[in-house]
């Protein structure tokens, strides 16, 4: 019976370690995502640099 308790504690430690690794990975992704290219405040980065009006023709 003591063997079952030891196995249970080991599984719990492994579960906690896996959760710590997942939290660290989440934090790293969040920091990586936040360090992206920042443009002018109040300007949508998807449309930055788009010029309104007629577009130049593409020649091949």
PDB file of N, CA and C in Angstrom:
ATOM      1  N   UNK A   1       0.810  -1.204   0.000  1.00  0.00           N
ATOM      2  CA  UNK A   1       0.000   0.000   0.000  1.00  0.00           C
ATOM      3  C   UNK A   1       0.848   1.260   0.000  1.00  0.00           C
ATOM      4  N   UNK A   2       1.986   1.206   0.640  1.00  0.00           N
ATOM      5  CA  UNK A   2       2.833   2.395   0.647  1.00  0.00           C
ATOM      6  C   UNK A   2       3.327   2.702  -0.755  1.00  0.00           C
ATOM      7  N   UNK A   3       3.469   1.685  -1.573  1.00  0.00           N
ATOM      8  CA  UNK A   3       3.934   1.879  -2.952  1.00  0.00           C
ATOM      9  C   UNK A   3       2.946   2.748  -3.730  1.00  0.00           C
ATOM     10  N   UNK A   4       1.653   2.545  -3.509  1.00  0.00           N
ATOM     11  CA  UNK A   4       0.645   3.335  -4.213  1.00  0.00           C
ATOM     12  C   UNK A   4       0.738   4.802  -3.835  1.00  0.00           C
ATOM     13  N   UNK A   5       0.977   5.084  -2.583  1.00  0.00           N
ATOM     14  CA  UNK A   5       1.098   6.470  -2.139  1.00  0.00           C
ATOM     15  C   UNK A   5       2.314   7.147  -2.757  1.00  0.00           C
ATOM     16  N   UNK A   6       3.411   6.400  -2.869  1.00  0.00           N
ATOM     17  CA  UNK A   6       4.630   6.946  -3.472  1.00  0.00           C
ATOM     18  C   UNK A   6       4.390   7.249  -4.952  1.00  0.00           C
ATOM     19  N   UNK A   7       3.696   6.339  -5.633  1.00  0.00           N
ATOM     20  CA  UNK A   7       3.392   6.565  -7.046  1.00  0.00           C
ATOM     21  C   UNK A   7       2.498   7.785  -7.227  1.00  0.00           C
ATOM     22  N   UNK A   8       1.544   7.927  -6.330  1.00  0.00           N
ATOM     23  CA  UNK A   8       0.624   9.062  -6.410  1.00  0.00           C
ATOM     24  C   UNK A   8       1.380  10.380  -6.214  1.00  0.00           C
ATOM     25  N   UNK A   9       2.297  10.417  -5.250  1.00  0.00           N
ATOM     26  CA  UNK A   9       3.092  11.639  -5.020  1.00  0.00           C
ATOM     27  C   UNK A   9       3.980  11.935  -6.221  1.00  0.00           C
ATOM     28  N   UNK A  10       4.562  10.882  -6.806  1.00  0.00           N
ATOM     29  CA  UNK A  10       5.425  11.080  -7.977  1.00  0.00           C
ATOM     30  C   UNK A  10       4.615  11.636  -9.148  1.00  0.00           C
ATOM     31  N   UNK A  11       3.434  11.083  -9.385  1.00  0.00           N
ATOM     32  CA  UNK A  11       2.586  11.581 -10.473  1.00  0.00           C
ATOM     33  C   UNK A  11       2.195  13.031 -10.232  1.00  0.00           C
ATOM     34  N   UNK A  12       1.903  13.365  -8.981  1.00  0.00           N
ATOM     35  CA  UNK A  12       1.513  14.735  -8.659  1.00  0.00           C
ATOM     36  C   UNK A  12       2.678  15.689  -8.903  1.00  0.00           C
ATOM     37  N   UNK A  13       3.907  15.290  -8.518  1.00  0.00           N
ATOM     38  CA  UNK A  13       5.080  16.133  -8.782  1.00  0.00           C
ATOM     39  C   UNK A  13       5.289  16.324 -10.277  1.00  0.00           C
ATOM     40  N   UNK A  14       5.138  15.252 -11.047  1.00  0.00           N
ATOM     41  CA  UNK A  14       5.288  15.342 -12.506  1.00  0.00           C
ATOM     42  C   UNK A  14       4.231  16.265 -13.105  1.00  0.00           C
ATOM     43  N   UNK A  15       3.008  16.165 -12.601  1.00  0.00           N
ATOM     44  CA  UNK A  15       1.929  17.032 -13.098  1.00  0.00           C
ATOM     45  C   UNK A  15       2.236  18.492 -12.806  1.00  0.00           C
ATOM     46  N   UNK A  16       2.718  18.771 -11.598  1.00  0.00           N
ATOM     47  CA  UNK A  16       3.063  20.147 -11.235  1.00  0.00           C
ATOM     48  C   UNK A  16       4.211  20.679 -12.080  1.00  0.00           C
ATOM     49  N   UNK A  17       5.214  19.839 -12.337  1.00  0.00           N
ATOM     50  CA  UNK A  17       6.350  20.260 -13.168  1.00  0.00           C
ATOM     51  C   UNK A  17       5.893  20.564 -14.595  1.00  0.00           C
ATOM     52  N   UNK A  18       5.030  19.723 -15.123  1.00  0.00           N
ATOM     53  CA  UNK A  18       4.507  19.949 -16.479  1.00  0.00           C
ATOM     54  C   UNK A  18       3.723  21.267 -16.529  1.00  0.00           C
ATOM     55  N   UNK A  19       2.945  21.534 -15.484  1.00  0.00           N
ATOM     56  CA  UNK A  19       2.182  22.789 -15.436  1.00  0.00           C
ATOM     57  C   UNK A  19       3.114  23.989 -15.373  1.00  0.00           C
ATOM     58  N   UNK A  20       4.220  23.881 -14.603  1.00  0.00           N
ATOM     59  CA  UNK A  20       5.195  24.977 -14.541  1.00  0.00           C
ATOM     60  C   UNK A  20       5.816  25.232 -15.906  1.00  0.00           C
ATOM     61  N   UNK A  21       6.138  24.148 -16.636  1.00  0.00           N
ATOM     62  CA  UNK A  21       6.710  24.291 -17.977  1.00  0.00           C
ATOM     63  C   UNK A  21       5.713  24.960 -18.921  1.00  0.00           C
ATOM     64  N   UNK A  22       4.453  24.558 -18.838  1.00  0.00           N
ATOM     65  CA  UNK A  22       3.433  25.164 -19.685  1.00  0.00           C
ATOM     66  C   UNK A  22       3.279  26.657 -19.381  1.00  0.00           C
ATOM     67  N   UNK A  23       3.297  27.002 -18.098  1.00  0.00           N
ATOM     68  CA  UNK A  23       3.187  28.416 -17.710  1.00  0.00           C
ATOM     69  C   UNK A  23       4.373  29.212 -18.233  1.00  0.00           C
ATOM     70  N   UNK A  24       5.574  28.634 -18.142  1.00  0.00           N
ATOM     71  CA  UNK A  24       6.768  29.315 -18.639  1.00  0.00           C
ATOM     72  C   UNK A  24       6.679  29.508 -20.152  1.00  0.00           C
ATOM     73  N   UNK A  25       6.203  28.492 -20.870  1.00  0.00           N
ATOM     74  CA  UNK A  25       6.055  28.607 -22.321  1.00  0.00           C
ATOM     75  C   UNK A  25       5.027  29.681 -22.682  1.00  0.00           C
ATOM     76  N   UNK A  26       3.927  29.720 -21.935  1.00  0.00           N
ATOM     77  CA  UNK A  26       2.906  30.753 -22.185  1.00  0.00           C
ATOM     78  C   UNK A  26       3.482  32.144 -21.996  1.00  0.00           C
ATOM     79  N   UNK A  27       4.225  32.310 -20.909  1.00  0.00           N
ATOM     80  CA  UNK A  27       4.825  33.603 -20.629  1.00  0.00           C
ATOM     81  C   UNK A  27       5.819  33.991 -21.716  1.00  0.00           C
ATOM     82  N   UNK A  28       6.623  33.039 -22.177  1.00  0.00           N
ATOM     83  CA  UNK A  28       7.597  33.317 -23.237  1.00  0.00           C
ATOM     84  C   UNK A  28       6.886  33.728 -24.528  1.00  0.00           C
ATOM     85  N   UNK A  29       5.805  33.026 -24.870  1.00  0.00           N
ATOM     86  CA  UNK A  29       5.058  33.396 -26.088  1.00  0.00           C
ATOM     87  C   UNK A  29       4.444  34.782 -25.951  1.00  0.00           C
ATOM     88  N   UNK A  30       3.929  35.085 -24.751  1.00  0.00           N
ATOM     89  CA  UNK A  30       3.320  36.386 -24.517  1.00  0.00           C
ATOM     90  C   UNK A  30       4.356  37.501 -24.656  1.00  0.00           C
ATOM     91  N   UNK A  31       5.553  37.265 -24.114  1.00  0.00           N
ATOM     92  CA  UNK A  31       6.614  38.263 -24.210  1.00  0.00           C
ATOM     93  C   UNK A  31       7.076  38.421 -25.657  1.00  0.00           C
ATOM     94  N   UNK A  32       7.177  37.306 -26.383  1.00  0.00           N
ATOM     95  CA  UNK A  32       7.587  37.343 -27.780  1.00  0.00           C
ATOM     96  C   UNK A  32       6.556  38.085 -28.624  1.00  0.00           C
ATOM     97  N   UNK A  33       5.302  37.825 -28.361  1.00  0.00           N
ATOM     98  CA  UNK A  33       4.214  38.463 -29.098  1.00  0.00           C
ATOM     99  C   UNK A  33       4.189  39.963 -28.812  1.00  0.00           C
ATOM    100  N   UNK A  34       4.443  40.356 -27.577  1.00  0.00           N
ATOM    101  CA  UNK A  34       4.416  41.760 -27.193  1.00  0.00           C
ATOM    102  C   UNK A  34       5.581  42.558 -27.730  1.00  0.00           C
ATOM    103  N   UNK A  35       6.667  41.888 -28.119  1.00  0.00           N
ATOM    104  CA  UNK A  35       7.842  42.613 -28.586  1.00  0.00           C
ATOM    105  C   UNK A  35       7.840  42.794 -30.100  1.00  0.00           C
ATOM    106  N   UNK A  36       6.689  42.684 -30.725  1.00  0.00           N
ATOM    107  CA  UNK A  36       6.590  42.841 -32.173  1.00  0.00           C
ATOM    108  C   UNK A  36       6.795  44.286 -32.595  1.00  0.00           C
ATOM    109  N   UNK A  37       6.720  44.510 -33.885  1.00  0.00           N
ATOM    110  CA  UNK A  37       6.909  45.848 -34.433  1.00  0.00           C
ATOM    111  C   UNK A  37       5.750  46.734 -34.000  1.00  0.00           C
ATOM    112  N   UNK A  38       6.076  47.833 -33.393  1.00  0.00           N
ATOM    113  CA  UNK A  38       5.030  48.752 -32.962  1.00  0.00           C
ATOM    114  C   UNK A  38       5.064  49.979 -33.869  1.00  0.00           C
ATOM    115  N   UNK A  39       3.917  50.368 -34.325  1.00  0.00           N
ATOM    116  CA  UNK A  39       3.817  51.518 -35.211  1.00  0.00           C
ATOM    117  C   UNK A  39       3.397  52.751 -34.443  1.00  0.00           C
ATOM    118  N   UNK A  40       2.818  53.672 -35.152  1.00  0.00           N
ATOM    119  CA  UNK A  40       2.321  54.890 -34.547  1.00  0.00           C
ATOM    120  C   UNK A  40       1.107  54.563 -33.687  1.00  0.00           C
ATOM    121  N   UNK A  41       1.055  55.094 -32.480  1.00  0.00           N
ATOM    122  CA  UNK A  41      -0.117  54.821 -31.646  1.00  0.00           C
ATOM    123  C   UNK A  41      -1.395  55.313 -32.324  1.00  0.00           C
ATOM    124  N   UNK A  42      -2.425  54.513 -32.280  1.00  0.00           N
ATOM    125  CA  UNK A  42      -3.696  54.891 -32.880  1.00  0.00           C
ATOM    126  C   UNK A  42      -3.801  54.532 -34.351  1.00  0.00           C
ATOM    127  N   UNK A  43      -2.768  53.912 -34.918  1.00  0.00           N
ATOM    128  CA  UNK A  43      -2.800  53.533 -36.327  1.00  0.00           C
ATOM    129  C   UNK A  43      -2.856  52.010 -36.426  1.00  0.00           C
ATOM    130  N   UNK A  44      -3.732  51.513 -37.281  1.00  0.00           N
ATOM    131  CA  UNK A  44      -3.881  50.081 -37.473  1.00  0.00           C
ATOM    132  C   UNK A  44      -2.664  49.539 -38.232  1.00  0.00           C
ATOM    133  N   UNK A  45      -1.926  48.577 -37.677  1.00  0.00           N
ATOM    134  CA  UNK A  45      -0.734  48.070 -38.356  1.00  0.00           C
ATOM    135  C   UNK A  45      -1.052  47.318 -39.644  1.00  0.00           C
ATOM    136  N   UNK A  46      -2.294  46.833 -39.801  1.00  0.00           N
ATOM    137  CA  UNK A  46      -2.661  46.121 -41.022  1.00  0.00           C
ATOM    138  C   UNK A  46      -2.744  47.047 -42.229  1.00  0.00           C
ATOM    139  N   UNK A  47      -3.083  48.309 -41.996  1.00  0.00           N
ATOM    140  CA  UNK A  47      -3.238  49.224 -43.127  1.00  0.00           C
ATOM    141  C   UNK A  47      -2.159  50.307 -43.147  1.00  0.00           C
ATOM    142  N   UNK A  48      -1.137  50.163 -42.326  1.00  0.00           N
ATOM    143  CA  UNK A  48      -0.053  51.144 -42.298  1.00  0.00           C
ATOM    144  C   UNK A  48       0.682  51.122 -43.631  1.00  0.00           C
ATOM    145  N   UNK A  49       0.924  52.261 -44.201  1.00  0.00           N
ATOM    146  CA  UNK A  49       1.677  52.362 -45.449  1.00  0.00           C
ATOM    147  C   UNK A  49       0.832  52.257 -46.705  1.00  0.00           C
ATOM    148  N   UNK A  50      -0.469  52.060 -46.574  1.00  0.00           N
ATOM    149  CA  UNK A  50      -1.335  51.986 -47.746  1.00  0.00           C
ATOM    150  C   UNK A  50      -1.662  53.405 -48.194  1.00  0.00           C
ATOM    151  N   UNK A  51      -1.490  53.629 -49.478  1.00  0.00           N
ATOM    152  CA  UNK A  51      -1.754  54.954 -50.035  1.00  0.00           C
ATOM    153  C   UNK A  51      -3.115  54.924 -50.719  1.00  0.00           C
ATOM    154  N   UNK A  52      -4.028  55.846 -50.354  1.00  0.00           N
ATOM    155  CA  UNK A  52      -5.327  55.871 -51.016  1.00  0.00           C
ATOM    156  C   UNK A  52      -5.204  56.389 -52.446  1.00  0.00           C
ATOM    157  N   UNK A  53      -6.152  56.004 -53.257  1.00  0.00           N
ATOM    158  CA  UNK A  53      -6.177  56.485 -54.634  1.00  0.00           C
ATOM    159  C   UNK A  53      -5.791  55.388 -55.608  1.00  0.00           C
ATOM    160  N   UNK A  54      -5.609  55.791 -56.869  1.00  0.00           N
ATOM    161  CA  UNK A  54      -5.261  54.797 -57.897  1.00  0.00           C
ATOM    162  C   UNK A  54      -3.915  54.132 -57.583  1.00  0.00           C
ATOM    163  N   UNK A  55      -3.875  52.844 -57.797  1.00  0.00           N
ATOM    164  CA  UNK A  55      -2.657  52.094 -57.546  1.00  0.00           C
ATOM    165  C   UNK A  55      -1.835  51.991 -58.833  1.00  0.00           C
ATOM    166  N   UNK A  56      -0.531  51.913 -58.697  1.00  0.00           N
ATOM    167  CA  UNK A  56       0.308  51.808 -59.903  1.00  0.00           C
ATOM    168  C   UNK A  56       0.042  50.483 -60.618  1.00  0.00           C
ATOM    169  N   UNK A  57       0.138  50.504 -61.950  1.00  0.00           N
ATOM    170  CA  UNK A  57      -0.113  49.286 -62.726  1.00  0.00           C
ATOM    171  C   UNK A  57       1.094  48.362 -62.609  1.00  0.00           C
ATOM    172  N   UNK A  58       0.804  47.077 -62.668  1.00  0.00           N
ATOM    173  CA  UNK A  58       1.870  46.080 -62.581  1.00  0.00           C
ATOM    174  C   UNK A  58       2.234  45.667 -63.984  1.00  0.00           C
ATOM    175  N   UNK A  59       3.497  45.802 -64.323  1.00  0.00           N
ATOM    176  CA  UNK A  59       3.965  45.374 -65.656  1.00  0.00           C
ATOM    177  C   UNK A  59       4.800  44.122 -65.497  1.00  0.00           C
ATOM    178  N   UNK A  60       4.598  43.199 -66.408  1.00  0.00           N
ATOM    179  CA  UNK A  60       5.326  41.938 -66.313  1.00  0.00           C
ATOM    180  C   UNK A  60       6.386  41.862 -67.363  1.00  0.00           C
TER     181      UNK A  60
END
